[in-house]
Amino acid sequence: RVGALVGGELARSSLIALGLGILGILIYVTFRFELSFAVGAIVALLHDVLITVGMFALLGRELTLTMVGAVLTIAGYSINDTIVVYDRIREGLASGRKGSIEQIMNESVNQTLSRTILTSSTTLIPILCLFFIGGAVLRDFSLAIIIGVVVGTYSSVFIASPIVLWWTRARGGSASSLRREVTQKTSVTSPTSAS
C-alpha cells in the first residue's frame, strides 16, 4: 500500500530521484573503475532496494515518505560498502599479484570482510535501539534500515564482485583483459603517474 502522503506525484518524483541517483552512480563507478564494476554496483544496489521494499510488502507495511527516505539511505550505504570492496579488488588487480582473477578477487573480498562486518554491526546497534526504543514513528524507518544494512552487507560481498566477473565474460572479455583495463586506468588516474 502507498500511504496518503505519498501520492502519485510524490511516488513518481521518488522513482525519478532513485533513477537519477542510479544513473549518477553508474557514471561515477564507470569513470572511477570500469563498466563491469558499475554494472555490479547497480545490480547490488537494485537487489538491496528490491529486497527491502519486498520485505515491507510481505510484512504488509505501508510505503510512506519515511520509507522513501530509508530506501535512499540504504542505497547510499550499499554503494559506499561496494566501493570499498571494489577499491581493494582494483588494488589487487593493479598490483600485479600472481594468481587468477578469481583468486585475487576472493583475497580482496576477504581483506575487506572484517571491515564490512564491523561497520555493519556498528551501524546496526543504534538502528536496533531506534527500532525497540524509538517508538511507533521510527519503527518502519528503522526496520527498513535494518533490512537494508543486512542485505547491503551481503550484496557487497556476494553479489557485486561476482557480477563484475560475469559481466566481463558476458561481453566477450577475459579475466586478463579486466586486469589489463584496471591496470591501465590506475596508471592513468594515479597521482604518481603525472610526476
Protein backbone atom coordinates (compact mmCIF):
# COMPACT_ATOMS: atom_id res chain seq x y z
CA ARG A 1 0.00 0.00 0.00
CA VAL A 2 1.05 3.54 -0.60
CA GLY A 3 0.48 5.99 2.24
CA ALA A 4 -1.80 9.01 1.94
CA LEU A 5 1.10 11.47 1.94
CA VAL A 6 2.89 9.58 -0.80
CA GLY A 7 0.57 10.41 -3.65
CA GLY A 8 1.11 9.57 -7.29
CA GLU A 9 3.20 12.68 -7.94
CA LEU A 10 5.46 12.12 -4.95
CA ALA A 11 5.90 8.44 -5.75
CA ARG A 12 6.83 9.37 -9.31
CA SER A 13 9.28 12.01 -8.06
CA SER A 14 10.86 9.44 -5.71
CA LEU A 15 11.32 6.96 -8.56
CA ILE A 16 12.84 9.70 -10.74
CA ALA A 17 15.23 10.63 -7.91
CA LEU A 18 16.22 6.99 -7.46
CA GLY A 19 16.68 6.57 -11.21
CA LEU A 20 18.85 9.69 -11.48
CA GLY A 21 20.86 8.53 -8.47
CA ILE A 22 21.46 5.14 -10.09
CA LEU A 23 22.49 6.83 -13.35
CA GLY A 24 24.92 9.06 -11.44
CA ILE A 25 26.38 6.05 -9.64
CA LEU A 26 26.73 4.22 -12.97
CA ILE A 27 28.65 7.14 -14.47
CA TYR A 28 30.83 7.65 -11.39
CA VAL A 29 31.77 3.98 -10.94
CA THR A 30 32.44 3.61 -14.69
CA PHE A 31 34.71 6.66 -14.58
CA ARG A 32 36.46 5.58 -11.39
CA PHE A 33 36.71 1.85 -12.13
CA GLU A 34 35.32 0.14 -15.25
CA LEU A 35 31.90 -0.53 -16.76
CA SER A 36 31.84 -4.08 -15.37
CA PHE A 37 32.32 -2.69 -11.85
CA ALA A 38 29.49 -0.18 -12.44
CA VAL A 39 27.14 -2.95 -13.58
CA GLY A 40 27.97 -4.98 -10.46
CA ALA A 41 27.34 -1.96 -8.22
CA ILE A 42 23.99 -1.19 -9.83
CA VAL A 43 22.82 -4.82 -9.66
CA ALA A 44 23.78 -4.97 -5.96
CA LEU A 45 22.05 -1.64 -5.31
CA LEU A 46 18.84 -2.71 -7.07
CA HIS A 47 18.97 -6.01 -5.17
CA ASP A 48 19.13 -4.16 -1.85
CA VAL A 49 16.29 -1.79 -2.68
CA LEU A 50 14.04 -4.52 -4.10
CA ILE A 51 14.62 -6.86 -1.16
CA THR A 52 13.86 -4.08 1.33
CA VAL A 53 10.69 -2.97 -0.46
CA GLY A 54 9.72 -6.62 -0.96
CA MET A 55 10.10 -7.35 2.76
CA PHE A 56 7.88 -4.37 3.53
CA ALA A 57 5.29 -5.69 1.09
CA LEU A 58 5.46 -9.16 2.67
CA LEU A 59 5.05 -7.67 6.13
CA GLY A 60 2.05 -5.62 4.94
CA ARG A 61 3.68 -2.30 5.84
CA GLU A 62 2.78 0.99 4.23
CA LEU A 63 5.02 2.88 1.81
CA THR A 64 5.37 6.33 3.39
CA LEU A 65 7.71 9.29 2.99
CA THR A 66 9.79 7.84 5.81
CA MET A 67 10.15 4.61 3.86
CA VAL A 68 11.30 6.53 0.76
CA GLY A 69 13.97 8.22 2.90
CA ALA A 70 15.01 4.85 4.29
CA VAL A 71 15.33 3.36 0.80
CA LEU A 72 17.52 6.26 -0.35
CA THR A 73 19.63 5.87 2.81
CA ILE A 74 20.04 2.15 2.08
CA ALA A 75 21.13 2.94 -1.47
CA GLY A 76 23.85 5.29 -0.18
CA TYR A 77 25.01 2.82 2.44
CA SER A 78 25.11 -0.05 -0.03
CA ILE A 79 27.09 1.79 -2.69
CA ASN A 80 29.60 3.01 -0.11
CA ASP A 81 30.29 -0.53 1.07
CA THR A 82 30.52 -1.80 -2.51
CA ILE A 83 33.04 0.92 -3.45
CA VAL A 84 35.29 -0.12 -0.55
CA VAL A 85 35.28 -3.73 -1.79
CA TYR A 86 35.88 -2.59 -5.39
CA ASP A 87 38.78 -0.39 -4.36
CA ARG A 88 40.51 -3.35 -2.75
CA ILE A 89 39.85 -5.51 -5.83
CA ARG A 90 41.28 -2.81 -8.08
CA GLU A 91 44.33 -2.56 -5.82
CA GLY A 92 44.85 -6.32 -6.05
CA LEU A 93 44.47 -6.37 -9.84
CA ALA A 94 46.73 -3.37 -10.43
CA SER A 95 49.47 -4.62 -8.10
CA GLY A 96 50.42 -7.42 -10.49
CA ARG A 97 49.77 -10.05 -7.85
CA LYS A 98 50.10 -13.64 -9.07
CA GLY A 99 47.06 -15.84 -9.41
CA SER A 100 43.81 -15.98 -11.31
CA ILE A 101 41.34 -13.13 -11.28
CA GLU A 102 39.02 -15.23 -9.11
CA GLN A 103 41.77 -15.75 -6.52
CA ILE A 104 42.66 -12.06 -6.44
CA MET A 105 39.00 -11.06 -6.10
CA ASN A 106 38.49 -13.63 -3.36
CA GLU A 107 41.55 -12.39 -1.43
CA SER A 108 40.41 -8.78 -1.84
CA VAL A 109 36.91 -9.55 -0.57
CA ASN A 110 38.41 -11.47 2.38
CA GLN A 111 40.63 -8.50 3.22
CA THR A 112 37.61 -6.19 3.46
CA LEU A 113 35.31 -8.71 5.14
CA SER A 114 36.22 -7.82 8.72
CA ARG A 115 35.81 -4.11 7.98
CA THR A 116 32.44 -4.74 6.33
CA ILE A 117 31.15 -6.83 9.24
CA LEU A 118 32.39 -4.34 11.86
CA THR A 119 30.87 -1.39 10.02
CA SER A 120 27.54 -3.17 9.61
CA SER A 121 27.48 -4.27 13.25
CA THR A 122 28.28 -0.76 14.43
CA THR A 123 25.52 0.63 12.23
CA LEU A 124 23.00 -1.94 13.43
CA ILE A 125 23.44 -1.14 17.14
CA PRO A 126 21.85 2.36 17.08
CA ILE A 127 19.28 1.30 14.47
CA LEU A 128 18.17 -1.59 16.71
CA CYS A 129 17.89 0.89 19.58
CA LEU A 130 15.68 3.09 17.38
CA PHE A 131 13.56 0.08 16.47
CA PHE A 132 12.97 -1.06 20.04
CA ILE A 133 13.01 2.26 21.92
CA GLY A 134 12.27 4.89 19.27
CA GLY A 135 8.52 4.49 19.24
CA ALA A 136 5.99 3.81 16.52
CA VAL A 137 7.00 6.78 14.39
CA LEU A 138 10.54 5.50 13.83
CA ARG A 139 9.73 1.78 13.75
CA ASP A 140 9.17 1.49 9.98
CA PHE A 141 12.21 3.63 9.19
CA SER A 142 14.49 1.61 11.47
CA LEU A 143 13.06 -1.69 10.21
CA ALA A 144 13.83 -0.66 6.63
CA ILE A 145 17.36 0.36 7.59
CA ILE A 146 17.93 -2.92 9.47
CA ILE A 147 16.83 -4.95 6.45
CA GLY A 148 18.87 -2.73 4.12
CA VAL A 149 22.07 -2.94 6.17
CA VAL A 150 21.90 -6.73 6.40
CA VAL A 151 21.06 -7.15 2.72
CA GLY A 152 23.57 -4.44 1.68
CA THR A 153 26.38 -6.16 3.55
CA TYR A 154 25.50 -9.44 1.89
CA SER A 155 25.26 -7.93 -1.60
CA SER A 156 28.57 -6.04 -1.39
CA VAL A 157 30.39 -9.30 -0.77
CA PHE A 158 28.38 -11.95 -2.60
CA ILE A 159 26.67 -10.13 -5.47
CA ALA A 160 28.68 -7.09 -6.61
CA SER A 161 32.04 -8.81 -7.11
CA PRO A 162 30.77 -11.94 -8.92
CA ILE A 163 28.71 -9.71 -11.25
CA VAL A 164 31.93 -7.91 -12.25
CA LEU A 165 33.46 -11.20 -13.33
CA TRP A 166 30.26 -12.40 -15.01
CA TRP A 167 29.78 -9.12 -16.92
CA THR A 168 33.39 -9.16 -18.13
CA ARG A 169 32.93 -12.67 -19.51
CA ALA A 170 29.44 -11.95 -20.91
CA ARG A 171 30.69 -9.09 -23.06
CA GLY A 172 33.41 -11.29 -24.51
CA GLY A 173 36.28 -10.14 -22.32
CA SER A 174 38.57 -12.33 -20.32
CA ALA A 175 39.87 -12.07 -16.79
CA SER A 176 43.22 -10.92 -18.15
CA SER A 177 41.54 -8.16 -20.17
CA LEU A 178 39.85 -6.92 -16.98
CA ARG A 179 43.22 -6.90 -15.23
CA ARG A 180 44.77 -5.01 -18.14
CA GLU A 181 41.94 -2.42 -18.21
CA VAL A 182 42.17 -1.83 -14.46
CA THR A 183 45.96 -1.55 -14.59
CA GLN A 184 45.81 0.96 -17.46
CA LYS A 185 43.14 3.05 -15.77
CA THR A 186 45.01 3.01 -12.46
CA SER A 187 48.24 4.14 -14.12
CA VAL A 188 46.41 6.95 -15.92
CA THR A 189 44.50 8.24 -12.88
CA SER A 190 47.13 7.75 -10.18
CA PRO A 191 48.77 10.97 -8.97
CA THR A 192 52.26 9.45 -9.10
CA SER A 193 51.97 8.80 -12.83
CA ALA A 194 51.98 12.55 -13.52
CA SER A 195 55.25 13.16 -11.72
